[in-house]
């Protein structure tokens, strides 16, 4: 798998849980090409390397919320996870490279670190742009207020559109 493709795939798997950008053990296991059970086994064997700010286990409520968003349950017996998934922060993912030893693990880890850095840069540039916009607005008079409001509306995240079901009267 080429690194640019891998980086895109990694970006899609970064989630925001408890205010942290994390990746789930199942997604990491797929990227590393190992069973989730083996990945978690290596983590358990090296528990001292993974403090709570590097990795945490999801609560049943978080799992349920995630399950309803992603809808990945397969029907049938033995298709469900016995334990809640683990979420790894950027530091936890970096620490995984010290417990997983393979060429693929090295390449995947590089791609993951790049994706986290890219995400941080995007967030930082948006904050910088907002700060500069405020400075410019203070500098110029009310004639440009419409322009500044238009730029702010473009910078804001779009609200999800809810499609109404039923008859229109």
C-alpha atoms as a PDB file:
ATOM      1  CA  UNK A   1       0.000   0.000   0.000  1.00  0.00           C
ATOM      2  CA  UNK A   2       1.460   3.360  -1.041  1.00  0.00           C
ATOM      3  CA  UNK A   3       1.959   6.013   1.631  1.00  0.00           C
ATOM      4  CA  UNK A   4      -0.367   8.696   0.123  1.00  0.00           C
ATOM      5  CA  UNK A   5      -3.230   6.177  -0.064  1.00  0.00           C
ATOM      6  CA  UNK A   6      -2.407   4.987   3.425  1.00  0.00           C
ATOM      7  CA  UNK A   7      -2.413   8.551   4.782  1.00  0.00           C
ATOM      8  CA  UNK A   8      -5.901   9.150   3.334  1.00  0.00           C
ATOM      9  CA  UNK A   9      -7.122   5.931   4.888  1.00  0.00           C
ATOM     10  CA  UNK A  10      -5.623   6.907   8.249  1.00  0.00           C
ATOM     11  CA  UNK A  11      -7.281  10.337   8.176  1.00  0.00           C
ATOM     12  CA  UNK A  12     -10.678   8.671   7.764  1.00  0.00           C
ATOM     13  CA  UNK A  13     -10.065   6.574  10.897  1.00  0.00           C
ATOM     14  CA  UNK A  14      -9.161   9.420  13.260  1.00  0.00           C
ATOM     15  CA  UNK A  15     -12.085  10.023  15.616  1.00  0.00           C
ATOM     16  CA  UNK A  16     -12.796  12.606  18.303  1.00  0.00           C
ATOM     17  CA  UNK A  17     -13.620  10.838  21.578  1.00  0.00           C
ATOM     18  CA  UNK A  18     -13.538  12.487  25.030  1.00  0.00           C
ATOM     19  CA  UNK A  19     -11.974  15.550  23.432  1.00  0.00           C
ATOM     20  CA  UNK A  20      -9.010  13.559  22.073  1.00  0.00           C
ATOM     21  CA  UNK A  21      -8.191  12.640  18.493  1.00  0.00           C
ATOM     22  CA  UNK A  22      -7.865   8.868  18.592  1.00  0.00           C
ATOM     23  CA  UNK A  23      -7.754   5.738  16.495  1.00  0.00           C
ATOM     24  CA  UNK A  24      -9.504   2.531  17.530  1.00  0.00           C
ATOM     25  CA  UNK A  25      -7.668  -0.734  18.010  1.00  0.00           C
ATOM     26  CA  UNK A  26      -9.667  -2.420  15.227  1.00  0.00           C
ATOM     27  CA  UNK A  27      -8.707   0.242  12.668  1.00  0.00           C
ATOM     28  CA  UNK A  28      -5.060   0.141  13.754  1.00  0.00           C
ATOM     29  CA  UNK A  29      -4.987  -3.653  13.558  1.00  0.00           C
ATOM     30  CA  UNK A  30      -6.299  -3.526   9.974  1.00  0.00           C
ATOM     31  CA  UNK A  31      -3.682  -0.950   9.004  1.00  0.00           C
ATOM     32  CA  UNK A  32      -0.879  -2.914  10.670  1.00  0.00           C
ATOM     33  CA  UNK A  33      -2.117  -6.156   9.107  1.00  0.00           C
ATOM     34  CA  UNK A  34      -2.517  -8.015  12.406  1.00  0.00           C
ATOM     35  CA  UNK A  35      -5.602  -9.383  14.206  1.00  0.00           C
ATOM     36  CA  UNK A  36      -7.055  -6.971  16.783  1.00  0.00           C
ATOM     37  CA  UNK A  37      -6.597  -9.664  19.415  1.00  0.00           C
ATOM     38  CA  UNK A  38      -2.827  -9.768  18.742  1.00  0.00           C
ATOM     39  CA  UNK A  39      -2.480  -5.972  18.786  1.00  0.00           C
ATOM     40  CA  UNK A  40      -4.230  -5.778  22.166  1.00  0.00           C
ATOM     41  CA  UNK A  41      -2.167  -8.706  23.411  1.00  0.00           C
ATOM     42  CA  UNK A  42       1.060  -6.788  22.682  1.00  0.00           C
ATOM     43  CA  UNK A  43      -0.372  -3.727  24.438  1.00  0.00           C
ATOM     44  CA  UNK A  44      -1.286  -5.785  27.528  1.00  0.00           C
ATOM     45  CA  UNK A  45       2.203  -7.289  27.612  1.00  0.00           C
ATOM     46  CA  UNK A  46       3.669  -3.764  27.603  1.00  0.00           C
ATOM     47  CA  UNK A  47       1.071  -2.059  29.843  1.00  0.00           C
ATOM     48  CA  UNK A  48       3.638   0.344  31.375  1.00  0.00           C
ATOM     49  CA  UNK A  49       4.210   1.910  27.949  1.00  0.00           C
ATOM     50  CA  UNK A  50       0.527   2.905  27.623  1.00  0.00           C
ATOM     51  CA  UNK A  51      -0.625   5.289  30.387  1.00  0.00           C
ATOM     52  CA  UNK A  52      -4.183   6.646  30.330  1.00  0.00           C
ATOM     53  CA  UNK A  53      -3.245   9.668  28.205  1.00  0.00           C
ATOM     54  CA  UNK A  54      -1.850   7.317  25.504  1.00  0.00           C
ATOM     55  CA  UNK A  55      -4.714   4.825  25.456  1.00  0.00           C
ATOM     56  CA  UNK A  56      -8.091   4.248  27.111  1.00  0.00           C
ATOM     57  CA  UNK A  57     -10.892   1.722  26.857  1.00  0.00           C
ATOM     58  CA  UNK A  58     -14.264   2.956  25.647  1.00  0.00           C
ATOM     59  CA  UNK A  59     -17.237   2.861  27.995  1.00  0.00           C
ATOM     60  CA  UNK A  60     -20.322   0.829  26.999  1.00  0.00           C
ATOM     61  CA  UNK A  61     -22.154   4.111  26.247  1.00  0.00           C
ATOM     62  CA  UNK A  62     -19.353   5.268  23.926  1.00  0.00           C
ATOM     63  CA  UNK A  63     -19.352   1.892  22.192  1.00  0.00           C
ATOM     64  CA  UNK A  64     -23.112   2.102  21.678  1.00  0.00           C
ATOM     65  CA  UNK A  65     -22.841   5.644  20.252  1.00  0.00           C
ATOM     66  CA  UNK A  66     -20.047   4.548  17.952  1.00  0.00           C
ATOM     67  CA  UNK A  67     -21.955   1.448  16.897  1.00  0.00           C
ATOM     68  CA  UNK A  68     -25.025   3.505  15.973  1.00  0.00           C
ATOM     69  CA  UNK A  69     -22.884   5.953  13.941  1.00  0.00           C
ATOM     70  CA  UNK A  70     -20.851   3.366  12.065  1.00  0.00           C
ATOM     71  CA  UNK A  71     -23.377   0.491  11.965  1.00  0.00           C
ATOM     72  CA  UNK A  72     -20.818  -2.268  11.492  1.00  0.00           C
ATOM     73  CA  UNK A  73     -22.434  -5.069  13.465  1.00  0.00           C
ATOM     74  CA  UNK A  74     -22.759  -8.364  11.672  1.00  0.00           C
ATOM     75  CA  UNK A  75     -25.690 -10.588  12.531  1.00  0.00           C
ATOM     76  CA  UNK A  76     -25.099 -13.955  14.147  1.00  0.00           C
ATOM     77  CA  UNK A  77     -23.433 -15.515  17.114  1.00  0.00           C
ATOM     78  CA  UNK A  78     -19.754 -14.779  17.722  1.00  0.00           C
ATOM     79  CA  UNK A  79     -19.754 -11.691  15.497  1.00  0.00           C
ATOM     80  CA  UNK A  80     -19.622  -9.180  18.350  1.00  0.00           C
ATOM     81  CA  UNK A  81     -16.631  -8.090  20.402  1.00  0.00           C
ATOM     82  CA  UNK A  82     -16.396  -9.465  23.888  1.00  0.00           C
ATOM     83  CA  UNK A  83     -14.581  -6.382  25.251  1.00  0.00           C
ATOM     84  CA  UNK A  84     -14.873  -2.672  24.578  1.00  0.00           C
ATOM     85  CA  UNK A  85     -12.374  -1.344  22.039  1.00  0.00           C
ATOM     86  CA  UNK A  86      -9.299   0.632  22.993  1.00  0.00           C
ATOM     87  CA  UNK A  87      -8.738   4.147  21.698  1.00  0.00           C
ATOM     88  CA  UNK A  88      -5.143   5.238  21.085  1.00  0.00           C
ATOM     89  CA  UNK A  89      -4.103   8.896  21.116  1.00  0.00           C
ATOM     90  CA  UNK A  90      -1.302  10.157  18.879  1.00  0.00           C
ATOM     91  CA  UNK A  91       1.242   9.331  21.593  1.00  0.00           C
ATOM     92  CA  UNK A  92      -0.255   5.865  22.012  1.00  0.00           C
ATOM     93  CA  UNK A  93       0.022   5.188  18.295  1.00  0.00           C
ATOM     94  CA  UNK A  94       3.657   6.299  18.408  1.00  0.00           C
ATOM     95  CA  UNK A  95       4.253   3.925  21.326  1.00  0.00           C
ATOM     96  CA  UNK A  96       2.735   1.058  19.319  1.00  0.00           C
ATOM     97  CA  UNK A  97       5.751   1.232  17.029  1.00  0.00           C
ATOM     98  CA  UNK A  98       7.908   0.124  19.948  1.00  0.00           C
ATOM     99  CA  UNK A  99       5.851  -3.031  20.543  1.00  0.00           C
ATOM    100  CA  UNK A 100       5.052  -4.001  16.936  1.00  0.00           C
ATOM    101  CA  UNK A 101       8.163  -4.944  14.985  1.00  0.00           C
ATOM    102  CA  UNK A 102       7.672  -5.262  11.249  1.00  0.00           C
ATOM    103  CA  UNK A 103       8.418  -3.287   8.090  1.00  0.00           C
ATOM    104  CA  UNK A 104       4.694  -2.689   7.588  1.00  0.00           C
ATOM    105  CA  UNK A 105       4.350  -1.372  11.167  1.00  0.00           C
ATOM    106  CA  UNK A 106       7.074   1.181  10.460  1.00  0.00           C
ATOM    107  CA  UNK A 107       5.401   2.399   7.238  1.00  0.00           C
ATOM    108  CA  UNK A 108       1.946   2.532   8.835  1.00  0.00           C
ATOM    109  CA  UNK A 109       3.302   4.421  11.833  1.00  0.00           C
ATOM    110  CA  UNK A 110       4.920   7.032   9.596  1.00  0.00           C
ATOM    111  CA  UNK A 111       1.640   7.527   7.717  1.00  0.00           C
ATOM    112  CA  UNK A 112      -0.334   7.830  10.967  1.00  0.00           C
ATOM    113  CA  UNK A 113       2.055  10.423  12.402  1.00  0.00           C
ATOM    114  CA  UNK A 114       1.814  12.433   9.171  1.00  0.00           C
ATOM    115  CA  UNK A 115      -1.982  12.321   9.283  1.00  0.00           C
ATOM    116  CA  UNK A 116      -2.052  13.592  12.871  1.00  0.00           C
ATOM    117  CA  UNK A 117       0.371  16.407  11.987  1.00  0.00           C
ATOM    118  CA  UNK A 118      -1.707  17.368   8.926  1.00  0.00           C
ATOM    119  CA  UNK A 119      -4.848  17.490  11.053  1.00  0.00           C
ATOM    120  CA  UNK A 120      -3.134  19.693  13.636  1.00  0.00           C
ATOM    121  CA  UNK A 121      -1.870  22.055  10.915  1.00  0.00           C
ATOM    122  CA  UNK A 122      -5.356  22.390   9.391  1.00  0.00           C
ATOM    123  CA  UNK A 123      -6.880  23.264  12.758  1.00  0.00           C
ATOM    124  CA  UNK A 124      -4.068  25.723  13.512  1.00  0.00           C
ATOM    125  CA  UNK A 125      -4.360  27.474  10.146  1.00  0.00           C
ATOM    126  CA  UNK A 126      -8.099  27.922  10.632  1.00  0.00           C
ATOM    127  CA  UNK A 127      -7.534  29.551  14.043  1.00  0.00           C
ATOM    128  CA  UNK A 128      -4.843  31.812  12.581  1.00  0.00           C
ATOM    129  CA  UNK A 129      -7.163  32.836   9.758  1.00  0.00           C
ATOM    130  CA  UNK A 130      -9.962  33.663  12.214  1.00  0.00           C
ATOM    131  CA  UNK A 131      -7.577  35.779  14.332  1.00  0.00           C
ATOM    132  CA  UNK A 132      -6.335  37.705  11.270  1.00  0.00           C
ATOM    133  CA  UNK A 133      -9.897  38.274  10.131  1.00  0.00           C
ATOM    134  CA  UNK A 134     -10.786  39.804  13.521  1.00  0.00           C
ATOM    135  CA  UNK A 135      -7.747  42.104  13.313  1.00  0.00           C
ATOM    136  CA  UNK A 136      -8.702  43.255   9.815  1.00  0.00           C
ATOM    137  CA  UNK A 137     -12.304  43.858  10.850  1.00  0.00           C
ATOM    138  CA  UNK A 138     -11.147  46.162  13.660  1.00  0.00           C
ATOM    139  CA  UNK A 139      -8.880  47.999  11.248  1.00  0.00           C
ATOM    140  CA  UNK A 140     -11.474  48.745   8.544  1.00  0.00           C
ATOM    141  CA  UNK A 141     -14.824  50.486   8.798  1.00  0.00           C
ATOM    142  CA  UNK A 142     -18.354  49.123   8.542  1.00  0.00           C
ATOM    143  CA  UNK A 143     -18.312  49.149   4.705  1.00  0.00           C
ATOM    144  CA  UNK A 144     -16.407  45.868   4.778  1.00  0.00           C
ATOM    145  CA  UNK A 145     -18.626  44.231   7.428  1.00  0.00           C
ATOM    146  CA  UNK A 146     -20.554  42.330   4.734  1.00  0.00           C
ATOM    147  CA  UNK A 147     -17.295  40.971   3.303  1.00  0.00           C
ATOM    148  CA  UNK A 148     -16.084  39.821   6.728  1.00  0.00           C
ATOM    149  CA  UNK A 149     -19.430  38.142   7.485  1.00  0.00           C
ATOM    150  CA  UNK A 150     -19.309  36.341   4.136  1.00  0.00           C
ATOM    151  CA  UNK A 151     -15.780  35.072   4.835  1.00  0.00           C
ATOM    152  CA  UNK A 152     -16.813  33.883   8.319  1.00  0.00           C
ATOM    153  CA  UNK A 153     -19.775  32.004   6.874  1.00  0.00           C
ATOM    154  CA  UNK A 154     -17.423  30.256   4.441  1.00  0.00           C
ATOM    155  CA  UNK A 155     -15.065  29.304   7.289  1.00  0.00           C
ATOM    156  CA  UNK A 156     -17.869  27.907   9.482  1.00  0.00           C
ATOM    157  CA  UNK A 157     -18.594  24.208   9.332  1.00  0.00           C
ATOM    158  CA  UNK A 158     -21.810  23.513   7.438  1.00  0.00           C
ATOM    159  CA  UNK A 159     -24.768  22.378   9.517  1.00  0.00           C
ATOM    160  CA  UNK A 160     -25.975  18.913   8.602  1.00  0.00           C
ATOM    161  CA  UNK A 161     -29.094  19.059   6.476  1.00  0.00           C
ATOM    162  CA  UNK A 162     -32.007  17.058   7.794  1.00  0.00           C
ATOM    163  CA  UNK A 163     -34.245  15.673   5.109  1.00  0.00           C
ATOM    164  CA  UNK A 164     -37.880  15.742   6.113  1.00  0.00           C
ATOM    165  CA  UNK A 165     -39.930  12.642   5.556  1.00  0.00           C
ATOM    166  CA  UNK A 166     -43.621  12.700   4.814  1.00  0.00           C
ATOM    167  CA  UNK A 167     -46.104  14.773   2.865  1.00  0.00           C
ATOM    168  CA  UNK A 168     -45.618  18.456   2.209  1.00  0.00           C
ATOM    169  CA  UNK A 169     -48.705  20.630   2.575  1.00  0.00           C
END
